[in-house]
Amino acid sequence: MLGLVLAAMLGAGAMADERPLDATPIVIAHRGASGSRPEHTLAAYELAIEQGADFIEPDLVLTKDDVFVARHENEISGTTDVAAHPEFAARRTTKTIDGQPVTGWFTEDFTLAELRTLRAKERLPQLRPDNARYDGQQPIPTLAEVIALAKRASAETGRTIGIYPETKHPSYFASIGKPMEAHLVRELRAAGWDSAQAPVFIQSFEVDNLKALKKLTGIRLIQLMDAEGGPADHAVDSYRTMATPAGLKAVATYAFGIGPNKSMVGAGKPLVHDAHVAGLRVHPWTYRAENAFLPEAYRVPGGPEAHGRVGQEIADAVAAGVDGFFTDFPLIGSQNRDKPY
């Protein structure tokens, strides 16, 4: 635990070889314990903490009245019961988000009070039918509520529970007059979090968003990257370019680490080594138990919903040198990150 705390408190820009040799990779509960409860609910975050998560992850979008709420996307038909509310039927619309047409209901068209009348539901009921039993029970949480939960859990458990917010579609929100950066920094600062010692990472798939945040706060920043494509703000031509040694060196000028697609790390792949050489931590995403999300080597007989050997996949990633990882199953994550090698 001491190694975990020290690792979590290292400042932005620290070289990877400054990490204590006994440092433990952090377990990041992806949208909470979303393998066991509907994602981005207080129930999912609470369970994740009980299961050993070090950080809980809220994806952040804005309401019409500029309140940060935790939703995977600003389009909420897949994660709430909004379609069952006739009073909101006329708000169904089509928008262009990151260059793609998206049809549904959007958080920026609802006040917080209106969103409070909705209830969360399981986004993947075919793969996670047990989660659907909790449909209709939980409201959409605000960032303030997630912060309060992390602080309360830290006091109750005696261990530091951090938050790992992702700014969702920041250039889109800026384009509609809702820039996220200063607003997010103000809310975190009000919670007492404004430095590299804060139990916070801010992540984004975009680049200019993180560079703007770098000018406003000392909180550690994480550049997300996928195996294909590139950032929606077109600040670089592709994530592949970003993942080269030269690209990683550029990322290290504004970020503490990277959050790559898990397919980009592992035996025979140079990304973890190259990132560490550049002084970056590596937190890959997302380790899920279902066969549908597992590489073939970790699958088990059964359908796409069957739970395969994600624990071994996590253990192998830890053995490959990752500094943390996102998982929908934090209990499995916390159990397997501590295996001896």
Protein backbone atom coordinates (compact mmCIF):
# COMPACT_ATOMS: atom_id res chain seq x y z
CA MET A 1 0.00 0.00 0.00
CA LEU A 2 2.86 2.39 0.76
CA GLY A 3 4.20 1.89 -2.75
CA LEU A 4 0.75 2.57 -4.18
CA VAL A 5 0.42 5.83 -2.27
CA LEU A 6 3.88 7.00 -3.28
CA ALA A 7 3.28 6.13 -6.91
CA ALA A 8 -0.03 7.98 -6.92
CA MET A 9 1.61 11.09 -5.46
CA LEU A 10 4.46 11.47 -7.94
CA GLY A 11 4.29 14.77 -9.77
CA ALA A 12 3.63 15.37 -13.46
CA GLY A 13 6.69 14.96 -15.60
CA ALA A 14 8.47 12.58 -13.25
CA MET A 15 10.49 9.95 -15.03
CA ALA A 16 9.20 6.40 -14.81
CA ASP A 17 12.43 5.15 -13.27
CA GLU A 18 11.79 7.46 -10.29
CA ARG A 19 8.82 5.25 -9.37
CA PRO A 20 9.56 3.23 -6.21
CA LEU A 21 10.50 -0.34 -7.04
CA ASP A 22 7.66 -1.58 -4.83
CA ALA A 23 5.05 0.68 -6.44
CA THR A 24 1.80 -1.11 -7.20
CA PRO A 25 -0.18 -0.49 -10.40
CA ILE A 26 -3.39 1.37 -9.71
CA VAL A 27 -6.81 -0.17 -10.31
CA ILE A 28 -9.11 2.25 -12.11
CA ALA A 29 -12.79 1.34 -11.92
CA HIS A 30 -14.02 2.03 -15.44
CA ARG A 31 -17.34 3.85 -14.99
CA GLY A 32 -17.43 2.21 -11.56
CA ALA A 33 -17.88 -1.52 -11.13
CA SER A 34 -19.72 -1.43 -14.45
CA GLY A 35 -19.45 -5.18 -14.93
CA SER A 36 -21.77 -5.59 -11.95
CA ARG A 37 -23.98 -2.47 -11.86
CA PRO A 38 -25.24 0.01 -14.48
CA GLU A 39 -22.32 2.27 -15.35
CA HIS A 40 -21.78 5.78 -14.01
CA THR A 41 -24.06 5.39 -11.01
CA LEU A 42 -23.20 5.99 -7.39
CA ALA A 43 -24.02 2.32 -6.77
CA ALA A 44 -21.40 1.30 -9.35
CA TYR A 45 -18.80 3.62 -7.83
CA GLU A 46 -19.56 2.48 -4.28
CA LEU A 47 -19.23 -1.19 -5.24
CA ALA A 48 -15.96 -0.47 -7.05
CA ILE A 49 -14.51 1.05 -3.91
CA GLU A 50 -15.66 -1.93 -1.84
CA GLN A 51 -13.94 -4.21 -4.37
CA GLY A 52 -10.57 -2.50 -4.03
CA ALA A 53 -10.49 0.18 -6.74
CA ASP A 54 -7.96 2.95 -6.18
CA PHE A 55 -9.68 5.36 -8.58
CA ILE A 56 -13.25 5.69 -9.83
CA GLU A 57 -13.83 7.03 -13.32
CA PRO A 58 -16.60 9.48 -14.21
CA ASP A 59 -16.95 10.42 -17.87
CA LEU A 60 -18.02 14.06 -17.81
CA VAL A 61 -20.58 15.85 -19.95
CA LEU A 62 -22.43 19.12 -19.34
CA THR A 63 -26.08 19.91 -18.78
CA LYS A 64 -27.99 22.86 -20.23
CA ASP A 65 -27.30 24.76 -17.02
CA ASP A 66 -23.58 23.89 -17.09
CA VAL A 67 -23.39 21.17 -14.45
CA PHE A 68 -20.97 18.29 -14.94
CA VAL A 69 -22.71 14.92 -14.81
CA ALA A 70 -21.33 11.42 -15.24
CA ARG A 71 -22.43 9.76 -18.48
CA HIS A 72 -20.47 7.78 -21.05
CA GLU A 73 -21.82 10.04 -23.78
CA ASN A 74 -23.84 13.23 -23.95
CA GLU A 75 -26.40 11.12 -25.88
CA ILE A 76 -28.25 9.29 -23.12
CA SER A 77 -30.85 6.98 -24.70
CA GLY A 78 -28.63 3.93 -24.15
CA THR A 79 -27.93 4.60 -20.47
CA THR A 80 -31.17 6.14 -19.15
CA ASP A 81 -34.92 5.70 -19.46
CA VAL A 82 -35.34 9.03 -21.27
CA ALA A 83 -37.18 7.36 -24.18
CA ALA A 84 -39.94 6.33 -21.75
CA HIS A 85 -40.63 9.94 -20.74
CA PRO A 86 -43.25 11.40 -23.10
CA GLU A 87 -42.62 14.89 -21.75
CA PHE A 88 -39.18 14.76 -23.40
CA ALA A 89 -40.17 13.13 -26.70
CA ALA A 90 -39.82 16.37 -28.66
CA ARG A 91 -36.19 16.73 -27.61
CA ARG A 92 -35.07 13.73 -29.62
CA THR A 93 -32.84 15.10 -32.35
CA THR A 94 -29.82 14.44 -34.52
CA LYS A 95 -26.50 16.18 -33.94
CA THR A 96 -23.01 15.89 -35.36
CA ILE A 97 -20.60 14.76 -32.63
CA ASP A 98 -16.94 14.42 -33.55
CA GLY A 99 -17.88 14.40 -37.22
CA GLN A 100 -20.52 11.67 -36.90
CA PRO A 101 -24.33 12.01 -36.93
CA VAL A 102 -25.87 10.88 -33.64
CA THR A 103 -29.60 10.65 -32.97
CA GLY A 104 -31.14 10.67 -29.52
CA TRP A 105 -31.40 12.84 -26.42
CA PHE A 106 -28.46 14.97 -25.29
CA THR A 107 -27.49 16.18 -21.82
CA GLU A 108 -26.86 19.72 -23.05
CA ASP A 109 -30.57 20.01 -23.87
CA PHE A 110 -31.64 19.20 -20.28
CA THR A 111 -31.28 21.08 -17.03
CA LEU A 112 -29.94 19.15 -14.10
CA ALA A 113 -33.40 19.18 -12.54
CA GLU A 114 -34.82 17.56 -15.65
CA LEU A 115 -32.07 14.94 -15.79
CA ARG A 116 -32.82 14.13 -12.15
CA THR A 117 -36.22 12.78 -13.25
CA LEU A 118 -34.48 10.09 -15.31
CA ARG A 119 -33.06 6.82 -14.08
CA ALA A 120 -30.02 4.86 -15.23
CA LYS A 121 -30.21 1.56 -17.06
CA GLU A 122 -27.73 -1.09 -18.20
CA ARG A 123 -26.09 -0.18 -21.51
CA LEU A 124 -25.19 -3.80 -22.43
CA PRO A 125 -28.15 -5.91 -21.25
CA GLN A 126 -27.43 -8.74 -23.71
CA LEU A 127 -23.97 -9.23 -22.22
CA ARG A 128 -24.84 -8.19 -18.67
CA PRO A 129 -28.41 -9.31 -17.98
CA ASP A 130 -27.83 -9.39 -14.22
CA ASN A 131 -27.06 -5.66 -14.29
CA ALA A 132 -30.45 -4.97 -15.85
CA ARG A 133 -32.03 -5.97 -12.53
CA TYR A 134 -30.86 -2.59 -11.24
CA ASP A 135 -32.46 -0.59 -14.06
CA GLY A 136 -34.55 2.32 -12.86
CA GLN A 137 -32.97 2.51 -9.40
CA GLN A 138 -30.23 5.11 -9.75
CA PRO A 139 -30.23 8.78 -10.81
CA ILE A 140 -27.54 10.40 -12.94
CA PRO A 141 -24.80 11.57 -10.56
CA THR A 142 -23.08 14.93 -10.71
CA LEU A 143 -19.32 15.37 -10.53
CA ALA A 144 -19.84 16.99 -7.13
CA GLU A 145 -21.50 13.82 -5.88
CA VAL A 146 -18.69 11.64 -7.22
CA ILE A 147 -16.13 13.84 -5.48
CA ALA A 148 -18.10 13.68 -2.24
CA LEU A 149 -18.30 9.89 -2.48
CA ALA A 150 -14.54 9.56 -3.02
CA LYS A 151 -13.80 11.81 -0.06
CA ARG A 152 -16.28 10.04 2.20
CA ALA A 153 -14.96 6.61 1.20
CA SER A 154 -11.39 7.75 1.82
CA ALA A 155 -12.32 8.80 5.35
CA GLU A 156 -14.26 5.61 6.01
CA THR A 157 -11.73 3.14 4.59
CA GLY A 158 -8.51 4.86 5.60
CA ARG A 159 -7.16 4.57 2.06
CA THR A 160 -7.07 7.30 -0.56
CA ILE A 161 -9.79 6.90 -3.18
CA GLY A 162 -9.15 9.09 -6.19
CA ILE A 163 -11.20 10.14 -9.18
CA TYR A 164 -10.17 9.81 -12.81
CA PRO A 165 -12.52 12.04 -14.85
CA GLU A 166 -12.61 12.02 -18.64
CA THR A 167 -13.66 15.11 -20.55
CA LYS A 168 -16.04 13.79 -23.21
CA HIS A 169 -16.13 15.57 -26.57
CA PRO A 170 -14.53 18.77 -25.26
CA SER A 171 -14.15 20.41 -28.67
CA TYR A 172 -17.82 19.70 -29.42
CA PHE A 173 -18.91 21.27 -26.14
CA ALA A 174 -16.66 24.25 -26.82
CA SER A 175 -18.31 24.63 -30.23
CA ILE A 176 -21.73 25.07 -28.59
CA GLY A 177 -20.45 27.63 -26.09
CA LYS A 178 -19.70 25.22 -23.24
CA PRO A 179 -15.93 24.99 -22.85
CA MET A 180 -15.03 22.49 -20.16
CA GLU A 181 -11.52 23.30 -19.02
CA ALA A 182 -11.85 26.31 -16.68
CA HIS A 183 -15.13 25.01 -15.30
CA LEU A 184 -13.60 21.62 -14.45
CA VAL A 185 -10.54 23.18 -12.85
CA ARG A 186 -12.74 25.44 -10.70
CA GLU A 187 -14.78 22.50 -9.45
CA LEU A 188 -11.72 20.41 -8.63
CA ARG A 189 -10.04 23.39 -6.97
CA ALA A 190 -13.12 23.90 -4.81
CA ALA A 191 -12.61 20.31 -3.64
CA GLY A 192 -9.02 21.17 -2.69
CA TRP A 193 -7.50 19.47 -5.71
CA ASP A 194 -5.19 21.54 -7.91
CA SER A 195 -1.77 19.91 -7.82
CA ALA A 196 0.10 16.79 -8.87
CA GLN A 197 -0.34 15.50 -5.33
CA ALA A 198 -4.13 15.49 -5.66
CA PRO A 199 -5.77 12.03 -5.98
CA VAL A 200 -6.93 12.95 -9.47
CA PHE A 201 -6.06 12.24 -13.08
CA ILE A 202 -7.83 14.09 -15.92
CA GLN A 203 -7.98 12.16 -19.19
CA SER A 204 -8.99 13.00 -22.73
CA PHE A 205 -8.83 11.55 -26.22
CA GLU A 206 -8.27 15.08 -27.49
CA VAL A 207 -5.00 17.00 -27.33
CA ASP A 208 -5.74 20.71 -27.21
CA ASN A 209 -8.12 20.09 -24.31
CA LEU A 210 -5.24 18.66 -22.26
CA LYS A 211 -2.86 21.40 -23.32
CA ALA A 212 -5.39 23.99 -22.16
CA LEU A 213 -5.76 22.19 -18.84
CA LYS A 214 -1.98 22.10 -18.45
CA LYS A 215 -2.02 25.91 -18.33
CA LEU A 216 -4.72 25.97 -15.67
CA THR A 217 -3.89 23.24 -13.17
CA GLY A 218 -1.12 21.09 -11.77
CA ILE A 219 -3.37 18.01 -11.71
CA ARG A 220 -1.90 15.08 -13.62
CA LEU A 221 -3.14 14.69 -17.19
CA ILE A 222 -3.51 11.50 -19.21
CA GLN A 223 -3.52 11.39 -23.01
CA LEU A 224 -5.90 8.67 -24.16
CA MET A 225 -5.20 6.95 -27.44
CA ASP A 226 -6.79 4.24 -29.53
CA ALA A 227 -5.20 1.69 -31.80
CA GLU A 228 -6.79 3.34 -34.83
CA GLY A 229 -7.98 6.80 -35.82
CA GLY A 230 -6.98 10.07 -34.27
CA PRO A 231 -8.17 12.79 -31.91
CA ALA A 232 -11.39 14.59 -32.79
CA ASP A 233 -9.68 17.97 -32.53
CA HIS A 234 -7.19 16.91 -35.27
CA ALA A 235 -4.28 18.23 -33.22
CA VAL A 236 -2.19 15.31 -34.51
CA ASP A 237 -2.78 13.21 -37.58
CA SER A 238 -3.29 9.88 -35.79
CA TYR A 239 -2.91 7.99 -32.55
CA ARG A 240 -0.34 5.81 -34.30
CA THR A 241 1.86 8.87 -34.72
CA MET A 242 1.28 9.77 -31.09
CA ALA A 243 2.43 6.28 -29.99
CA THR A 244 5.85 6.52 -31.67
CA PRO A 245 8.90 7.47 -29.59
CA ALA A 246 8.85 10.97 -31.07
CA GLY A 247 5.11 11.27 -30.52
CA LEU A 248 5.41 10.12 -26.91
CA LYS A 249 8.13 12.67 -26.29
CA ALA A 250 5.72 15.35 -27.49
CA VAL A 251 2.94 14.00 -25.24
CA ALA A 252 5.30 14.17 -22.26
CA THR A 253 5.48 17.96 -22.61
CA TYR A 254 1.90 18.28 -21.37
CA ALA A 255 0.81 14.92 -19.90
CA PHE A 256 1.81 12.72 -17.00
CA GLY A 257 0.91 9.53 -18.82
CA ILE A 258 -0.99 7.79 -21.55
CA GLY A 259 -4.12 5.67 -21.60
CA PRO A 260 -3.77 3.38 -24.62
CA ASN A 261 -6.15 0.78 -25.95
CA LYS A 262 -5.12 -2.46 -24.20
CA SER A 263 -4.35 -4.02 -27.59
CA MET A 264 -1.38 -1.66 -27.82
CA VAL A 265 0.46 -3.16 -24.83
CA GLY A 266 1.77 -6.60 -24.04
CA ALA A 267 4.53 -9.05 -24.88
CA GLY A 268 6.59 -8.03 -27.89
CA LYS A 269 5.01 -4.56 -28.10
CA PRO A 270 7.26 -1.57 -27.38
CA LEU A 271 4.71 1.00 -26.16
CA VAL A 272 5.19 0.52 -22.40
CA HIS A 273 8.97 0.70 -22.72
CA ASP A 274 8.88 3.66 -25.08
CA ALA A 275 6.43 5.54 -22.87
CA HIS A 276 8.56 4.95 -19.80
CA VAL A 277 11.62 6.21 -21.64
CA ALA A 278 9.65 9.38 -22.40
CA GLY A 279 8.77 9.72 -18.71
CA LEU A 280 5.12 8.72 -19.10
CA ARG A 281 3.01 6.35 -17.02
CA VAL A 282 0.87 3.80 -18.89
CA HIS A 283 -2.77 3.07 -17.93
CA PRO A 284 -4.37 0.89 -20.65
CA TRP A 285 -8.12 0.43 -21.13
CA THR A 286 -10.40 -1.53 -20.76
CA TYR A 287 -10.19 -4.98 -19.17
CA ARG A 288 -13.59 -6.69 -19.29
CA ALA A 289 -14.51 -10.24 -18.37
CA GLU A 290 -16.87 -11.14 -21.19
CA ASN A 291 -15.60 -13.21 -24.13
CA ALA A 292 -16.89 -10.46 -26.44
CA PHE A 293 -14.15 -8.14 -25.17
CA LEU A 294 -11.30 -10.62 -24.73
CA PRO A 295 -8.53 -11.57 -27.14
CA GLU A 296 -8.97 -15.13 -28.33
CA ALA A 297 -6.22 -16.45 -26.06
CA TYR A 298 -8.22 -15.46 -22.97
CA ARG A 299 -11.67 -16.64 -24.06
CA VAL A 300 -13.46 -19.67 -22.65
CA PRO A 301 -16.12 -21.94 -24.17
CA GLY A 302 -19.53 -20.30 -24.25
CA GLY A 303 -21.19 -17.33 -25.84
CA PRO A 304 -20.01 -13.72 -26.01
CA GLU A 305 -21.45 -13.08 -22.54
CA ALA A 306 -19.43 -15.87 -20.87
CA HIS A 307 -16.71 -14.68 -18.52
CA GLY A 308 -13.26 -15.59 -19.75
CA ARG A 309 -9.77 -15.28 -18.25
CA VAL A 310 -9.63 -11.51 -17.81
CA GLY A 311 -7.72 -11.98 -14.57
CA GLN A 312 -4.88 -13.56 -16.49
CA GLU A 313 -5.06 -10.81 -19.11
CA ILE A 314 -4.67 -8.24 -16.34
CA ALA A 315 -1.85 -10.17 -14.70
CA ASP A 316 -0.03 -10.35 -18.02
CA ALA A 317 -0.41 -6.59 -18.51
CA VAL A 318 0.98 -5.93 -15.04
CA ALA A 319 3.89 -8.26 -15.82
CA ALA A 320 4.49 -6.22 -18.99
CA GLY A 321 5.04 -3.14 -16.83
CA VAL A 322 1.85 -1.10 -16.95
CA ASP A 323 1.44 1.44 -14.16
CA GLY A 324 -2.32 0.99 -13.81
CA PHE A 325 -5.29 -0.21 -15.79
CA PHE A 326 -8.97 0.45 -16.40
CA THR A 327 -11.35 -2.40 -15.69
CA ASP A 328 -15.11 -2.95 -15.45
CA PHE A 329 -14.35 -5.61 -12.81
CA PRO A 330 -12.25 -3.97 -10.08
CA LEU A 331 -12.45 -6.98 -7.78
CA ILE A 332 -10.77 -9.16 -10.42
CA GLY A 333 -8.37 -6.32 -11.12
CA SER A 334 -7.32 -5.85 -7.51
CA GLN A 335 -6.89 -9.60 -7.02
CA ASN A 336 -4.72 -10.09 -10.11
CA ARG A 337 -2.54 -7.01 -10.03
CA ASP A 338 -0.92 -8.41 -6.87
CA LYS A 339 0.12 -11.78 -8.28
CA PRO A 340 3.85 -12.58 -7.88
CA TYR A 341 5.93 -12.94 -11.03
